[in-house]
Amino acid sequence: MSDNDIQSTQSRQFQLSRNAFGKLIYTADGDDEVHEGVVPVRSFPIAAPDVGIAIVSTDGRELAWIEKLSDLPDATRLLLEEELANREFLPEIKQIKHVSVFASPSTWTVVTNRGDALLVLKGEEDIRRIGESALIIADAHGIQFLIRDLKQLDKHSRKLLDRFL
């Protein structure tokens, strides 16, 4: 078994690679069909991003199921993580530096895992709880920001956020 061989839940091994155009190529052992342009899809992108990944063909058919990314060989895991990162844009807020006013609309200055950003909060309804300690904040431009764990924010950030919750 090579580094790019994976075991699916159907006990079928397959390989992933990239073509010259950067598209993912899927081939299953014992199957002569090559699927070009496959897409990895997370089942629970916020609550459990590394659990339950489907490899889907261009026509929407599930080709393989991966229980946990951590179970994959390093080369395959890195290839899938890179592809998922390219497809998903959900900046994660690490710190809230400043809020213009404690009424809506307000402009927030935040630090994300992708750098500093300004977001405009139209109203408190744009802050949605996801599970116990995660939040999704939609700004006026439709960009969604994630706070993965409220408890991980610094005291100043939590204090600013509490004014809107």
Protein backbone atom coordinates (compact mmCIF):
# COMPACT_ATOMS: atom_id res chain seq x y z
CA MET A 1 0.00 0.00 0.00
CA SER A 2 1.44 3.38 -0.99
CA ASP A 3 1.20 6.62 1.03
CA ASN A 4 -1.78 7.73 -1.04
CA ASP A 5 -3.77 4.51 -0.60
CA ILE A 6 -6.78 4.93 1.66
CA GLN A 7 -9.30 2.55 3.16
CA SER A 8 -12.93 3.58 2.74
CA THR A 9 -15.79 2.34 4.91
CA GLN A 10 -16.59 -0.14 2.16
CA SER A 11 -13.09 -1.66 2.66
CA ARG A 12 -12.08 -0.46 -0.77
CA GLN A 13 -8.65 1.06 -1.29
CA PHE A 14 -8.19 4.07 -3.50
CA GLN A 15 -5.57 6.60 -4.51
CA LEU A 16 -5.70 10.37 -4.77
CA SER A 17 -3.38 12.52 -6.83
CA ARG A 18 -3.39 15.83 -8.70
CA ASN A 19 -3.32 16.27 -12.44
CA ALA A 20 -1.33 18.96 -14.28
CA PHE A 21 -4.21 21.42 -13.78
CA GLY A 22 -4.32 20.88 -10.01
CA LYS A 23 -7.56 18.86 -9.98
CA LEU A 24 -7.88 15.88 -7.67
CA ILE A 25 -7.87 12.48 -9.37
CA TYR A 26 -9.51 9.46 -7.71
CA THR A 27 -8.84 5.86 -8.70
CA ALA A 28 -10.12 2.83 -6.82
CA ASP A 29 -8.30 -0.48 -6.70
CA GLY A 30 -9.99 -3.05 -8.92
CA ASP A 31 -11.78 -0.34 -10.91
CA ASP A 32 -10.48 0.91 -14.26
CA GLU A 33 -12.47 4.15 -14.01
CA VAL A 34 -10.54 7.32 -13.19
CA HIS A 35 -12.50 10.20 -11.68
CA GLU A 36 -11.07 13.63 -12.41
CA GLY A 37 -12.05 16.72 -10.44
CA VAL A 38 -13.32 14.95 -7.32
CA VAL A 39 -14.15 17.08 -4.30
CA PRO A 40 -13.74 16.36 -0.59
CA VAL A 41 -16.78 17.40 1.45
CA ARG A 42 -16.92 17.69 5.24
CA SER A 43 -20.03 16.30 6.95
CA PHE A 44 -19.69 18.58 9.97
CA PRO A 45 -17.41 21.47 8.92
CA ILE A 46 -17.75 23.42 12.17
CA ALA A 47 -18.54 20.92 14.91
CA ALA A 48 -16.22 18.12 13.72
CA PRO A 49 -14.12 19.27 10.76
CA ASP A 50 -11.78 16.26 10.77
CA VAL A 51 -14.47 13.58 11.00
CA GLY A 52 -16.66 12.26 8.21
CA ILE A 53 -15.21 13.35 4.87
CA ALA A 54 -16.78 12.22 1.60
CA ILE A 55 -14.95 12.11 -1.70
CA VAL A 56 -17.56 13.16 -4.28
CA SER A 57 -17.45 12.90 -8.07
CA THR A 58 -18.29 15.78 -10.38
CA ASP A 59 -21.81 14.36 -10.81
CA GLY A 60 -22.37 14.41 -7.03
CA ARG A 61 -21.90 10.69 -6.40
CA GLU A 62 -20.06 9.65 -3.24
CA LEU A 63 -17.01 7.62 -4.21
CA ALA A 64 -15.48 7.10 -0.77
CA TRP A 65 -16.04 7.86 2.89
CA ILE A 66 -13.25 8.74 5.33
CA GLU A 67 -14.10 8.39 9.02
CA LYS A 68 -11.20 10.51 10.35
CA LEU A 69 -8.53 12.54 8.56
CA SER A 70 -6.01 11.50 11.21
CA ASP A 71 -6.35 7.85 10.09
CA LEU A 72 -4.99 8.65 6.64
CA PRO A 73 -1.39 8.37 5.51
CA ASP A 74 0.37 11.74 5.82
CA ALA A 75 0.64 12.44 2.08
CA THR A 76 -3.08 11.80 1.50
CA ARG A 77 -4.15 13.72 4.59
CA LEU A 78 -2.08 16.74 3.54
CA LEU A 79 -3.51 16.60 0.02
CA LEU A 80 -7.08 16.54 1.36
CA GLU A 81 -6.43 19.26 3.95
CA GLU A 82 -4.96 21.48 1.22
CA GLU A 83 -7.96 20.89 -1.04
CA LEU A 84 -10.43 21.56 1.79
CA ALA A 85 -8.61 24.78 2.76
CA ASN A 86 -8.76 26.00 -0.85
CA ARG A 87 -12.52 25.36 -1.04
CA GLU A 88 -13.54 26.78 2.32
CA PHE A 89 -13.37 30.39 3.38
CA LEU A 90 -14.45 30.71 6.99
CA PRO A 91 -12.03 32.99 8.82
CA GLU A 92 -11.76 32.10 12.49
CA ILE A 93 -11.83 35.04 14.91
CA LYS A 94 -9.00 34.79 17.44
CA GLN A 95 -9.43 38.21 19.06
CA ILE A 96 -11.84 41.15 18.98
CA LYS A 97 -9.73 44.31 19.21
CA HIS A 98 -12.36 47.03 18.93
CA VAL A 99 -16.07 47.61 18.37
CA SER A 100 -17.16 51.03 17.06
CA VAL A 101 -20.46 51.20 18.99
CA PHE A 102 -22.52 48.81 21.07
CA ALA A 103 -25.54 49.23 18.81
CA SER A 104 -26.22 48.07 15.29
CA PRO A 105 -24.76 48.58 12.81
CA SER A 106 -21.28 48.44 14.30
CA THR A 107 -17.81 47.96 12.86
CA TRP A 108 -15.61 45.36 14.51
CA THR A 109 -11.84 45.17 14.27
CA VAL A 110 -10.82 41.53 14.67
CA VAL A 111 -7.80 39.28 14.40
CA THR A 112 -8.48 36.08 12.45
CA ASN A 113 -6.44 33.06 11.48
CA ARG A 114 -6.10 34.81 8.09
CA GLY A 115 -4.99 38.19 9.42
CA ASP A 116 -6.66 41.35 10.68
CA ALA A 117 -10.12 42.20 9.37
CA LEU A 118 -12.94 44.70 9.69
CA LEU A 119 -16.48 43.42 9.73
CA VAL A 120 -19.76 45.28 9.88
CA LEU A 121 -22.41 43.71 12.07
CA LYS A 122 -25.89 44.73 10.87
CA GLY A 123 -27.70 43.37 13.91
CA GLU A 124 -27.48 40.94 16.81
CA GLU A 125 -29.40 38.39 14.72
CA ASP A 126 -26.25 38.04 12.58
CA ILE A 127 -24.59 36.24 15.50
CA ARG A 128 -25.65 32.58 15.63
CA ARG A 129 -24.72 30.01 18.25
CA ILE A 130 -23.41 26.71 16.93
CA GLY A 131 -23.29 24.15 19.71
CA GLU A 132 -22.25 25.09 23.23
CA SER A 133 -19.37 27.46 22.66
CA ALA A 134 -19.09 28.21 18.94
CA LEU A 135 -20.51 31.18 17.05
CA ILE A 136 -20.94 32.16 13.42
CA ILE A 137 -20.96 35.90 12.76
CA ALA A 138 -22.19 37.10 9.36
CA ASP A 139 -21.00 40.54 8.32
CA ALA A 140 -22.85 43.02 6.11
CA HIS A 141 -21.02 41.71 3.01
CA GLY A 142 -22.11 38.10 3.58
CA ILE A 143 -18.75 36.85 4.83
CA GLN A 144 -19.12 34.46 7.72
CA PHE A 145 -16.63 34.46 10.58
CA LEU A 146 -16.25 31.62 13.06
CA ILE A 147 -15.52 31.75 16.77
CA ARG A 148 -14.72 28.10 17.42
CA ASP A 149 -14.68 28.34 21.22
CA LEU A 150 -15.81 31.36 23.22
CA LYS A 151 -13.75 30.17 26.19
CA GLN A 152 -10.56 30.47 24.13
CA LEU A 153 -11.06 34.20 23.50
CA ASP A 154 -9.18 36.64 25.73
CA LYS A 155 -11.07 38.49 28.47
CA HIS A 156 -11.31 41.77 26.50
CA SER A 157 -12.76 39.98 23.44
CA ARG A 158 -15.33 38.11 25.53
CA LYS A 159 -16.37 41.35 27.25
CA LEU A 160 -16.95 43.07 23.89
CA LEU A 161 -18.83 40.09 22.52
CA ASP A 162 -21.03 39.77 25.64
CA ARG A 163 -22.54 43.18 24.84
CA PHE A 164 -24.08 41.65 21.69
CA LEU A 165 -25.18 38.26 23.05
